[in-house]
Amino acid sequence: DRKRWNLLDPEVLGWMFETEPSDDFVKGLFELRLITEPAAAELA
């Protein structure tokens, strides 16, 4: 099932972008970045 795939594996991400990734997948990646990177910048 797709929910078991390690979509954050760098190699899997590369494979994903060889296809035409869905709108939801791309937006999901940016949501992840918005959750993690601003907090990381604050700590940094």
ModelCIF file with pLDDT and N, C-alpha, C, O atoms, coordinates in Angstrom:
data_MODEL
#
_entry.id   MODEL 
#
_entity.id                         1 
_entity.type                       polymer 
_entity.pdbx_number_of_molecules   1 
#
_entity_poly.entity_id                      1 
_entity_poly.type                           'polypeptide(L)' 
_entity_poly.nstd_linkage                   no 
_entity_poly.nstd_monomer                   no 
_entity_poly.pdbx_seq_one_letter_code       DRKRWNLLDPEVLGWMFETEPSDDFVKGLFELRLITEPAAAELA 
_entity_poly.pdbx_seq_one_letter_code_can   DRKRWNLLDPEVLGWMFETEPSDDFVKGLFELRLITEPAAAELA 
_entity_poly.pdbx_strand_id                 A 
#
loop_
_entity_poly_seq.entity_id 
_entity_poly_seq.num 
_entity_poly_seq.mon_id 
_entity_poly_seq.hetero 
1 1  ASP n 
1 2  ARG n 
1 3  LYS n 
1 4  ARG n 
1 5  TRP n 
1 6  ASN n 
1 7  LEU n 
1 8  LEU n 
1 9  ASP n 
1 10 PRO n 
1 11 GLU n 
1 12 VAL n 
1 13 LEU n 
1 14 GLY n 
1 15 TRP n 
1 16 MET n 
1 17 PHE n 
1 18 GLU n 
1 19 THR n 
1 20 GLU n 
1 21 PRO n 
1 22 SER n 
1 23 ASP n 
1 24 ASP n 
1 25 PHE n 
1 26 VAL n 
1 27 LYS n 
1 28 GLY n 
1 29 LEU n 
1 30 PHE n 
1 31 GLU n 
1 32 LEU n 
1 33 ARG n 
1 34 LEU n 
1 35 ILE n 
1 36 THR n 
1 37 GLU n 
1 38 PRO n 
1 39 ALA n 
1 40 ALA n 
1 41 ALA n 
1 42 GLU n 
1 43 LEU n 
1 44 ALA n 
#
_struct_asym.id          A 
_struct_asym.entity_id   1 
#
loop_
_ma_qa_metric.id 
_ma_qa_metric.mode 
_ma_qa_metric.name 
_ma_qa_metric.software_group_id 
_ma_qa_metric.type 
1 global pLDDT . pLDDT 
2 local  pLDDT . pLDDT 
#
_ma_qa_metric_global.metric_id      1 
_ma_qa_metric_global.metric_value   92.64 
_ma_qa_metric_global.model_id       1 
_ma_qa_metric_global.ordinal_id     1 
#
loop_
_ma_qa_metric_local.label_asym_id 
_ma_qa_metric_local.label_comp_id 
_ma_qa_metric_local.label_seq_id 
_ma_qa_metric_local.metric_id 
_ma_qa_metric_local.metric_value 
_ma_qa_metric_local.model_id 
_ma_qa_metric_local.ordinal_id 
A ASP 1  2 97.00 1 1  
A ARG 2  2 95.00 1 2  
A LYS 3  2 95.00 1 3  
A ARG 4  2 96.00 1 4  
A TRP 5  2 96.00 1 5  
A ASN 6  2 96.00 1 6  
A LEU 7  2 93.00 1 7  
A LEU 8  2 92.00 1 8  
A ASP 9  2 94.00 1 9  
A PRO 10 2 92.00 1 10 
A GLU 11 2 93.00 1 11 
A VAL 12 2 94.00 1 12 
A LEU 13 2 92.00 1 13 
A GLY 14 2 90.00 1 14 
A TRP 15 2 92.00 1 15 
A MET 16 2 91.00 1 16 
A PHE 17 2 87.00 1 17 
A GLU 18 2 86.00 1 18 
A THR 19 2 84.00 1 19 
A GLU 20 2 80.00 1 20 
A PRO 21 2 85.00 1 21 
A SER 22 2 86.00 1 22 
A ASP 23 2 85.00 1 23 
A ASP 24 2 89.00 1 24 
A PHE 25 2 90.00 1 25 
A VAL 26 2 88.00 1 26 
A LYS 27 2 90.00 1 27 
A GLY 28 2 92.00 1 28 
A LEU 29 2 92.00 1 29 
A PHE 30 2 93.00 1 30 
A GLU 31 2 95.00 1 31 
A LEU 32 2 94.00 1 32 
A ARG 33 2 94.00 1 33 
A LEU 34 2 96.00 1 34 
A ILE 35 2 95.00 1 35 
A THR 36 2 96.00 1 36 
A GLU 37 2 97.00 1 37 
A PRO 38 2 98.00 1 38 
A ALA 39 2 97.00 1 39 
A ALA 40 2 97.00 1 40 
A ALA 41 2 98.00 1 41 
A GLU 42 2 98.00 1 42 
A LEU 43 2 98.00 1 43 
A ALA 44 2 98.00 1 44 
#
loop_
_atom_site.group_PDB 
_atom_site.id 
_atom_site.type_symbol 
_atom_site.label_atom_id 
_atom_site.label_alt_id 
_atom_site.label_comp_id 
_atom_site.label_asym_id 
_atom_site.label_entity_id 
_atom_site.label_seq_id 
_atom_site.pdbx_PDB_ins_code 
_atom_site.Cartn_x 
_atom_site.Cartn_y 
_atom_site.Cartn_z 
_atom_site.occupancy 
_atom_site.B_iso_or_equiv 
_atom_site.pdbx_formal_charge 
_atom_site.auth_seq_id 
_atom_site.auth_comp_id 
_atom_site.auth_asym_id 
_atom_site.auth_atom_id 
_atom_site.pdbx_PDB_model_num 
ATOM 1   N N  . ASP A 1 1  ? 0.847  -1.195 0.000   1.00 97.00 ? 1  ASP A N  1 
ATOM 2   C CA . ASP A 1 1  ? 0.000  0.000  0.000   1.00 97.00 ? 1  ASP A CA 1 
ATOM 3   C C  . ASP A 1 1  ? 0.881  1.244  0.000   1.00 97.00 ? 1  ASP A C  1 
ATOM 4   O O  . ASP A 1 1  ? 1.949  1.257  0.613   1.00 97.00 ? 1  ASP A O  1 
ATOM 5   N N  . ARG A 1 2  ? 0.439  2.265  -0.675  1.00 95.00 ? 2  ARG A N  1 
ATOM 6   C CA . ARG A 1 2  ? 1.221  3.493  -0.824  1.00 95.00 ? 2  ARG A CA 1 
ATOM 7   C C  . ARG A 1 2  ? 1.610  4.092  0.530   1.00 95.00 ? 2  ARG A C  1 
ATOM 8   O O  . ARG A 1 2  ? 2.683  4.682  0.654   1.00 95.00 ? 2  ARG A O  1 
ATOM 9   N N  . LYS A 1 3  ? 0.757  3.950  1.539   1.00 95.00 ? 3  LYS A N  1 
ATOM 10  C CA . LYS A 1 3  ? 1.052  4.541  2.837   1.00 95.00 ? 3  LYS A CA 1 
ATOM 11  C C  . LYS A 1 3  ? 2.293  3.932  3.484   1.00 95.00 ? 3  LYS A C  1 
ATOM 12  O O  . LYS A 1 3  ? 2.838  4.501  4.430   1.00 95.00 ? 3  LYS A O  1 
ATOM 13  N N  . ARG A 1 4  ? 2.741  2.789  2.989   1.00 96.00 ? 4  ARG A N  1 
ATOM 14  C CA . ARG A 1 4  ? 3.937  2.144  3.529   1.00 96.00 ? 4  ARG A CA 1 
ATOM 15  C C  . ARG A 1 4  ? 5.206  2.582  2.795   1.00 96.00 ? 4  ARG A C  1 
ATOM 16  O O  . ARG A 1 4  ? 6.308  2.291  3.260   1.00 96.00 ? 4  ARG A O  1 
ATOM 17  N N  . TRP A 1 5  ? 5.079  3.259  1.682   1.00 96.00 ? 5  TRP A N  1 
ATOM 18  C CA . TRP A 1 5  ? 6.251  3.658  0.909   1.00 96.00 ? 5  TRP A CA 1 
ATOM 19  C C  . TRP A 1 5  ? 7.013  4.766  1.637   1.00 96.00 ? 5  TRP A C  1 
ATOM 20  O O  . TRP A 1 5  ? 6.410  5.682  2.197   1.00 96.00 ? 5  TRP A O  1 
ATOM 21  N N  . ASN A 1 6  ? 8.319  4.674  1.623   1.00 96.00 ? 6  ASN A N  1 
ATOM 22  C CA . ASN A 1 6  ? 9.156  5.714  2.227   1.00 96.00 ? 6  ASN A CA 1 
ATOM 23  C C  . ASN A 1 6  ? 9.365  6.824  1.199   1.00 96.00 ? 6  ASN A C  1 
ATOM 24  O O  . ASN A 1 6  ? 10.393 6.887  0.524   1.00 96.00 ? 6  ASN A O  1 
ATOM 25  N N  . LEU A 1 7  ? 8.373  7.688  1.100   1.00 93.00 ? 7  LEU A N  1 
ATOM 26  C CA . LEU A 1 7  ? 8.400  8.723  0.075   1.00 93.00 ? 7  LEU A CA 1 
ATOM 27  C C  . LEU A 1 7  ? 9.460  9.789  0.341   1.00 93.00 ? 7  LEU A C  1 
ATOM 28  O O  . LEU A 1 7  ? 9.786  10.573 -0.550  1.00 93.00 ? 7  LEU A O  1 
ATOM 29  N N  . LEU A 1 8  ? 9.997  9.822  1.555   1.00 92.00 ? 8  LEU A N  1 
ATOM 30  C CA . LEU A 1 8  ? 11.057 10.790 1.863   1.00 92.00 ? 8  LEU A CA 1 
ATOM 31  C C  . LEU A 1 8  ? 12.451 10.224 1.640   1.00 92.00 ? 8  LEU A C  1 
ATOM 32  O O  . LEU A 1 8  ? 13.443 10.926 1.836   1.00 92.00 ? 8  LEU A O  1 
ATOM 33  N N  . ASP A 1 9  ? 12.534 8.971  1.235   1.00 94.00 ? 9  ASP A N  1 
ATOM 34  C CA . ASP A 1 9  ? 13.821 8.421  0.838   1.00 94.00 ? 9  ASP A CA 1 
ATOM 35  C C  . ASP A 1 9  ? 14.321 9.246  -0.354  1.00 94.00 ? 9  ASP A C  1 
ATOM 36  O O  . ASP A 1 9  ? 13.596 9.384  -1.339  1.00 94.00 ? 9  ASP A O  1 
ATOM 37  N N  . PRO A 1 10 ? 15.544 9.798  -0.291  1.00 92.00 ? 10 PRO A N  1 
ATOM 38  C CA . PRO A 1 10 ? 16.021 10.641 -1.385  1.00 92.00 ? 10 PRO A CA 1 
ATOM 39  C C  . PRO A 1 10 ? 15.927 9.985  -2.756  1.00 92.00 ? 10 PRO A C  1 
ATOM 40  O O  . PRO A 1 10 ? 15.619 10.651 -3.744  1.00 92.00 ? 10 PRO A O  1 
ATOM 41  N N  . GLU A 1 11 ? 16.192 8.667  -2.822  1.00 93.00 ? 11 GLU A N  1 
ATOM 42  C CA . GLU A 1 11 ? 16.125 7.984  -4.106  1.00 93.00 ? 11 GLU A CA 1 
ATOM 43  C C  . GLU A 1 11 ? 14.682 7.890  -4.590  1.00 93.00 ? 11 GLU A C  1 
ATOM 44  O O  . GLU A 1 11 ? 14.413 8.082  -5.775  1.00 93.00 ? 11 GLU A O  1 
ATOM 45  N N  . VAL A 1 12 ? 13.757 7.598  -3.685  1.00 94.00 ? 12 VAL A N  1 
ATOM 46  C CA . VAL A 1 12 ? 12.339 7.523  -4.061  1.00 94.00 ? 12 VAL A CA 1 
ATOM 47  C C  . VAL A 1 12 ? 11.838 8.889  -4.516  1.00 94.00 ? 12 VAL A C  1 
ATOM 48  O O  . VAL A 1 12 ? 11.066 8.978  -5.471  1.00 94.00 ? 12 VAL A O  1 
ATOM 49  N N  . LEU A 1 13 ? 12.270 9.957  -3.841  1.00 92.00 ? 13 LEU A N  1 
ATOM 50  C CA . LEU A 1 13 ? 11.883 11.299 -4.282  1.00 92.00 ? 13 LEU A CA 1 
ATOM 51  C C  . LEU A 1 13 ? 12.372 11.567 -5.705  1.00 92.00 ? 13 LEU A C  1 
ATOM 52  O O  . LEU A 1 13 ? 11.655 12.154 -6.516  1.00 92.00 ? 13 LEU A O  1 
ATOM 53  N N  . GLY A 1 14 ? 13.595 11.133 -5.998  1.00 90.00 ? 14 GLY A N  1 
ATOM 54  C CA . GLY A 1 14 ? 14.118 11.292 -7.356  1.00 90.00 ? 14 GLY A CA 1 
ATOM 55  C C  . GLY A 1 14 ? 13.274 10.538 -8.365  1.00 90.00 ? 14 GLY A C  1 
ATOM 56  O O  . GLY A 1 14 ? 12.974 11.058 -9.440  1.00 90.00 ? 14 GLY A O  1 
ATOM 57  N N  . TRP A 1 15 ? 12.887 9.305  -8.022  1.00 92.00 ? 15 TRP A N  1 
ATOM 58  C CA . TRP A 1 15 ? 12.039 8.517  -8.917  1.00 92.00 ? 15 TRP A CA 1 
ATOM 59  C C  . TRP A 1 15 ? 10.689 9.198  -9.108  1.00 92.00 ? 15 TRP A C  1 
ATOM 60  O O  . TRP A 1 15 ? 10.147 9.227  -10.213 1.00 92.00 ? 15 TRP A O  1 
ATOM 61  N N  . MET A 1 16 ? 10.150 9.750  -8.010  1.00 91.00 ? 16 MET A N  1 
ATOM 62  C CA . MET A 1 16 ? 8.846  10.411 -8.093  1.00 91.00 ? 16 MET A CA 1 
ATOM 63  C C  . MET A 1 16 ? 8.872  11.560 -9.088  1.00 91.00 ? 16 MET A C  1 
ATOM 64  O O  . MET A 1 16 ? 7.933  11.740 -9.864  1.00 91.00 ? 16 MET A O  1 
ATOM 65  N N  . PHE A 1 17 ? 9.950  12.337 -9.063  1.00 87.00 ? 17 PHE A N  1 
ATOM 66  C CA . PHE A 1 17 ? 10.023 13.492 -9.957  1.00 87.00 ? 17 PHE A CA 1 
ATOM 67  C C  . PHE A 1 17 ? 10.405 13.110 -11.379 1.00 87.00 ? 17 PHE A C  1 
ATOM 68  O O  . PHE A 1 17 ? 10.415 13.969 -12.261 1.00 87.00 ? 17 PHE A O  1 
ATOM 69  N N  . GLU A 1 18 ? 10.721 11.838 -11.623 1.00 86.00 ? 18 GLU A N  1 
ATOM 70  C CA . GLU A 1 18 ? 10.865 11.369 -12.999 1.00 86.00 ? 18 GLU A CA 1 
ATOM 71  C C  . GLU A 1 18 ? 9.498  11.126 -13.628 1.00 86.00 ? 18 GLU A C  1 
ATOM 72  O O  . GLU A 1 18 ? 9.352  11.152 -14.850 1.00 86.00 ? 18 GLU A O  1 
ATOM 73  N N  . THR A 1 19 ? 8.507  10.892 -12.785 1.00 84.00 ? 19 THR A N  1 
ATOM 74  C CA . THR A 1 19 ? 7.132  10.812 -13.258 1.00 84.00 ? 19 THR A CA 1 
ATOM 75  C C  . THR A 1 19 ? 6.575  12.231 -13.222 1.00 84.00 ? 19 THR A C  1 
ATOM 76  O O  . THR A 1 19 ? 7.329  13.175 -12.986 1.00 84.00 ? 19 THR A O  1 
ATOM 77  N N  . GLU A 1 20 ? 5.306  12.400 -13.444 1.00 80.00 ? 20 GLU A N  1 
ATOM 78  C CA . GLU A 1 20 ? 4.672  13.708 -13.249 1.00 80.00 ? 20 GLU A CA 1 
ATOM 79  C C  . GLU A 1 20 ? 3.991  13.646 -11.894 1.00 80.00 ? 20 GLU A C  1 
ATOM 80  O O  . GLU A 1 20 ? 2.860  13.167 -11.800 1.00 80.00 ? 20 GLU A O  1 
ATOM 81  N N  . PRO A 1 21 ? 4.655  14.122 -10.831 1.00 85.00 ? 21 PRO A N  1 
ATOM 82  C CA . PRO A 1 21 ? 4.074  13.979 -9.491  1.00 85.00 ? 21 PRO A CA 1 
ATOM 83  C C  . PRO A 1 21 ? 2.748  14.715 -9.387  1.00 85.00 ? 21 PRO A C  1 
ATOM 84  O O  . PRO A 1 21 ? 2.534  15.731 -10.048 1.00 85.00 ? 21 PRO A O  1 
ATOM 85  N N  . SER A 1 22 ? 1.867  14.194 -8.557  1.00 86.00 ? 22 SER A N  1 
ATOM 86  C CA . SER A 1 22 ? 0.542  14.795 -8.413  1.00 86.00 ? 22 SER A CA 1 
ATOM 87  C C  . SER A 1 22 ? 0.646  16.150 -7.717  1.00 86.00 ? 22 SER A C  1 
ATOM 88  O O  . SER A 1 22 ? 1.614  16.432 -7.012  1.00 86.00 ? 22 SER A O  1 
ATOM 89  N N  . ASP A 1 23 ? -0.372 16.980 -7.931  1.00 85.00 ? 23 ASP A N  1 
ATOM 90  C CA . ASP A 1 23 ? -0.432 18.272 -7.261  1.00 85.00 ? 23 ASP A CA 1 
ATOM 91  C C  . ASP A 1 23 ? -0.368 18.087 -5.745  1.00 85.00 ? 23 ASP A C  1 
ATOM 92  O O  . ASP A 1 23 ? 0.339  18.814 -5.048  1.00 85.00 ? 23 ASP A O  1 
ATOM 93  N N  . ASP A 1 24 ? -1.120 17.098 -5.246  1.00 89.00 ? 24 ASP A N  1 
ATOM 94  C CA . ASP A 1 24 ? -1.177 16.871 -3.798  1.00 89.00 ? 24 ASP A CA 1 
ATOM 95  C C  . ASP A 1 24 ? 0.187  16.466 -3.247  1.00 89.00 ? 24 ASP A C  1 
ATOM 96  O O  . ASP A 1 24 ? 0.561  16.878 -2.148  1.00 89.00 ? 24 ASP A O  1 
ATOM 97  N N  . PHE A 1 25 ? 0.930  15.661 -4.006  1.00 90.00 ? 25 PHE A N  1 
ATOM 98  C CA . PHE A 1 25 ? 2.247  15.237 -3.533  1.00 90.00 ? 25 PHE A CA 1 
ATOM 99  C C  . PHE A 1 25 ? 3.190  16.434 -3.434  1.00 90.00 ? 25 PHE A C  1 
ATOM 100 O O  . PHE A 1 25 ? 3.900  16.583 -2.439  1.00 90.00 ? 25 PHE A O  1 
ATOM 101 N N  . VAL A 1 26 ? 3.202  17.282 -4.452  1.00 88.00 ? 26 VAL A N  1 
ATOM 102 C CA . VAL A 1 26 ? 4.086  18.451 -4.445  1.00 88.00 ? 26 VAL A CA 1 
ATOM 103 C C  . VAL A 1 26 ? 3.711  19.389 -3.306  1.00 88.00 ? 26 VAL A C  1 
ATOM 104 O O  . VAL A 1 26 ? 4.579  19.875 -2.581  1.00 88.00 ? 26 VAL A O  1 
ATOM 105 N N  . LYS A 1 27 ? 2.405  19.643 -3.151  1.00 90.00 ? 27 LYS A N  1 
ATOM 106 C CA . LYS A 1 27 ? 1.983  20.520 -2.061  1.00 90.00 ? 27 LYS A CA 1 
ATOM 107 C C  . LYS A 1 27 ? 2.314  19.909 -0.703  1.00 90.00 ? 27 LYS A C  1 
ATOM 108 O O  . LYS A 1 27 ? 2.650  20.624 0.242   1.00 90.00 ? 27 LYS A O  1 
ATOM 109 N N  . GLY A 1 28 ? 2.217  18.585 -0.610  1.00 92.00 ? 28 GLY A N  1 
ATOM 110 C CA . GLY A 1 28 ? 2.556  17.910 0.634   1.00 92.00 ? 28 GLY A CA 1 
ATOM 111 C C  . GLY A 1 28 ? 4.011  18.085 1.006   1.00 92.00 ? 28 GLY A C  1 
ATOM 112 O O  . GLY A 1 28 ? 4.335  18.264 2.180   1.00 92.00 ? 28 GLY A O  1 
ATOM 113 N N  . LEU A 1 29 ? 4.896  18.036 0.015   1.00 92.00 ? 29 LEU A N  1 
ATOM 114 C CA . LEU A 1 29 ? 6.319  18.255 0.284   1.00 92.00 ? 29 LEU A CA 1 
ATOM 115 C C  . LEU A 1 29 ? 6.561  19.653 0.841   1.00 92.00 ? 29 LEU A C  1 
ATOM 116 O O  . LEU A 1 29 ? 7.341  19.829 1.778   1.00 92.00 ? 29 LEU A O  1 
ATOM 117 N N  . PHE A 1 30 ? 5.889  20.647 0.260   1.00 93.00 ? 30 PHE A N  1 
ATOM 118 C CA . PHE A 1 30 ? 6.081  22.000 0.745   1.00 93.00 ? 30 PHE A CA 1 
ATOM 119 C C  . PHE A 1 30 ? 5.449  22.203 2.119   1.00 93.00 ? 30 PHE A C  1 
ATOM 120 O O  . PHE A 1 30 ? 5.957  22.980 2.927   1.00 93.00 ? 30 PHE A O  1 
ATOM 121 N N  . GLU A 1 31 ? 4.346  21.510 2.387   1.00 95.00 ? 31 GLU A N  1 
ATOM 122 C CA . GLU A 1 31 ? 3.784  21.552 3.737   1.00 95.00 ? 31 GLU A CA 1 
ATOM 123 C C  . GLU A 1 31 ? 4.783  21.002 4.751   1.00 95.00 ? 31 GLU A C  1 
ATOM 124 O O  . GLU A 1 31 ? 4.945  21.551 5.841   1.00 95.00 ? 31 GLU A O  1 
ATOM 125 N N  . LEU A 1 32 ? 5.450  19.908 4.376   1.00 94.00 ? 32 LEU A N  1 
ATOM 126 C CA . LEU A 1 32 ? 6.481  19.343 5.257   1.00 94.00 ? 32 LEU A CA 1 
ATOM 127 C C  . LEU A 1 32 ? 7.588  20.354 5.498   1.00 94.00 ? 32 LEU A C  1 
ATOM 128 O O  . LEU A 1 32 ? 8.038  20.534 6.630   1.00 94.00 ? 32 LEU A O  1 
ATOM 129 N N  . ARG A 1 33 ? 8.023  21.008 4.444   1.00 94.00 ? 33 ARG A N  1 
ATOM 130 C CA . ARG A 1 33 ? 9.076  22.008 4.588   1.00 94.00 ? 33 ARG A CA 1 
ATOM 131 C C  . ARG A 1 33 ? 8.616  23.169 5.475   1.00 94.00 ? 33 ARG A C  1 
ATOM 132 O O  . ARG A 1 33 ? 9.391  23.680 6.283   1.00 94.00 ? 33 ARG A O  1 
ATOM 133 N N  . LEU A 1 34 ? 7.361  23.578 5.323   1.00 96.00 ? 34 LEU A N  1 
ATOM 134 C CA . LEU A 1 34 ? 6.855  24.684 6.138   1.00 96.00 ? 34 LEU A CA 1 
ATOM 135 C C  . LEU A 1 34 ? 6.757  24.309 7.613   1.00 96.00 ? 34 LEU A C  1 
ATOM 136 O O  . LEU A 1 34 ? 6.865  25.175 8.481   1.00 96.00 ? 34 LEU A O  1 
ATOM 137 N N  . ILE A 1 35 ? 6.556  23.036 7.899   1.00 95.00 ? 35 ILE A N  1 
ATOM 138 C CA . ILE A 1 35 ? 6.489  22.579 9.282   1.00 95.00 ? 35 ILE A CA 1 
ATOM 139 C C  . ILE A 1 35 ? 7.876  22.517 9.916   1.00 95.00 ? 35 ILE A C  1 
ATOM 140 O O  . ILE A 1 35 ? 8.044  22.866 11.084  1.00 95.00 ? 35 ILE A O  1 
ATOM 141 N N  . THR A 1 36 ? 8.870  22.074 9.145   1.00 96.00 ? 36 THR A N  1 
ATOM 142 C CA . THR A 1 36 ? 10.183 21.789 9.718   1.00 96.00 ? 36 THR A CA 1 
ATOM 143 C C  . THR A 1 36 ? 11.208 22.913 9.565   1.00 96.00 ? 36 THR A C  1 
ATOM 144 O O  . THR A 1 36 ? 11.899 23.244 10.528  1.00 96.00 ? 36 THR A O  1 
ATOM 145 N N  . GLU A 1 37 ? 11.318 23.500 8.384   1.00 97.00 ? 37 GLU A N  1 
ATOM 146 C CA . GLU A 1 37 ? 12.445 24.399 8.123   1.00 97.00 ? 37 GLU A CA 1 
ATOM 147 C C  . GLU A 1 37 ? 12.370 25.759 8.833   1.00 97.00 ? 37 GLU A C  1 
ATOM 148 O O  . GLU A 1 37 ? 13.408 26.249 9.280   1.00 97.00 ? 37 GLU A O  1 
ATOM 149 N N  . PRO A 1 38 ? 11.193 26.392 8.959   1.00 98.00 ? 38 PRO A N  1 
ATOM 150 C CA . PRO A 1 38 ? 11.174 27.635 9.744   1.00 98.00 ? 38 PRO A CA 1 
ATOM 151 C C  . PRO A 1 38 ? 11.589 27.405 11.192  1.00 98.00 ? 38 PRO A C  1 
ATOM 152 O O  . PRO A 1 38 ? 12.320 28.214 11.764  1.00 98.00 ? 38 PRO A O  1 
ATOM 153 N N  . ALA A 1 39 ? 11.124 26.301 11.790  1.00 97.00 ? 39 ALA A N  1 
ATOM 154 C CA . ALA A 1 39 ? 11.537 25.978 13.159  1.00 97.00 ? 39 ALA A CA 1 
ATOM 155 C C  . ALA A 1 39 ? 13.036 25.710 13.220  1.00 97.00 ? 39 ALA A C  1 
ATOM 156 O O  . ALA A 1 39 ? 13.704 26.109 14.174  1.00 97.00 ? 39 ALA A O  1 
ATOM 157 N N  . ALA A 1 40 ? 13.564 25.035 12.200  1.00 97.00 ? 40 ALA A N  1 
ATOM 158 C CA . ALA A 1 40 ? 15.002 24.764 12.154  1.00 97.00 ? 40 ALA A CA 1 
ATOM 159 C C  . ALA A 1 40 ? 15.793 26.068 12.040  1.00 97.00 ? 40 ALA A C  1 
ATOM 160 O O  . ALA A 1 40 ? 16.832 26.223 12.682  1.00 97.00 ? 40 ALA A O  1 
ATOM 161 N N  . ALA A 1 41 ? 15.305 27.001 11.226  1.00 98.00 ? 41 ALA A N  1 
ATOM 162 C CA . ALA A 1 41 ? 15.995 28.283 11.075  1.00 98.00 ? 41 ALA A CA 1 
ATOM 163 C C  . ALA A 1 41 ? 15.997 29.048 12.396  1.00 98.00 ? 41 ALA A C  1 
ATOM 164 O O  . ALA A 1 41 ? 16.986 29.691 12.747  1.00 98.00 ? 41 ALA A O  1 
ATOM 165 N N  . GLU A 1 42 ? 14.888 28.974 13.124  1.00 98.00 ? 42 GLU A N  1 
ATOM 166 C CA . GLU A 1 42 ? 14.808 29.642 14.420  1.00 98.00 ? 42 GLU A CA 1 
ATOM 167 C C  . GLU A 1 42 ? 15.844 29.077 15.398  1.00 98.00 ? 42 GLU A C  1 
ATOM 168 O O  . GLU A 1 42 ? 16.531 29.827 16.092  1.00 98.00 ? 42 GLU A O  1 
ATOM 169 N N  . LEU A 1 43 ? 15.943 27.749 15.442  1.00 98.00 ? 43 LEU A N  1 
ATOM 170 C CA . LEU A 1 43 ? 16.935 27.121 16.318  1.00 98.00 ? 43 LEU A CA 1 
ATOM 171 C C  . LEU A 1 43 ? 18.358 27.431 15.853  1.00 98.00 ? 43 LEU A C  1 
ATOM 172 O O  . LEU A 1 43 ? 19.247 27.684 16.665  1.00 98.00 ? 43 LEU A O  1 
ATOM 173 N N  . ALA A 1 44 ? 18.558 27.407 14.540  1.00 98.00 ? 44 ALA A N  1 
ATOM 174 C CA . ALA A 1 44 ? 19.896 27.669 14.001  1.00 98.00 ? 44 ALA A CA 1 
ATOM 175 C C  . ALA A 1 44 ? 20.385 29.057 14.388  1.00 98.00 ? 44 ALA A C  1 
ATOM 176 O O  . ALA A 1 44 ? 21.494 29.445 14.019  1.00 98.00 ? 44 ALA A O  1 
#
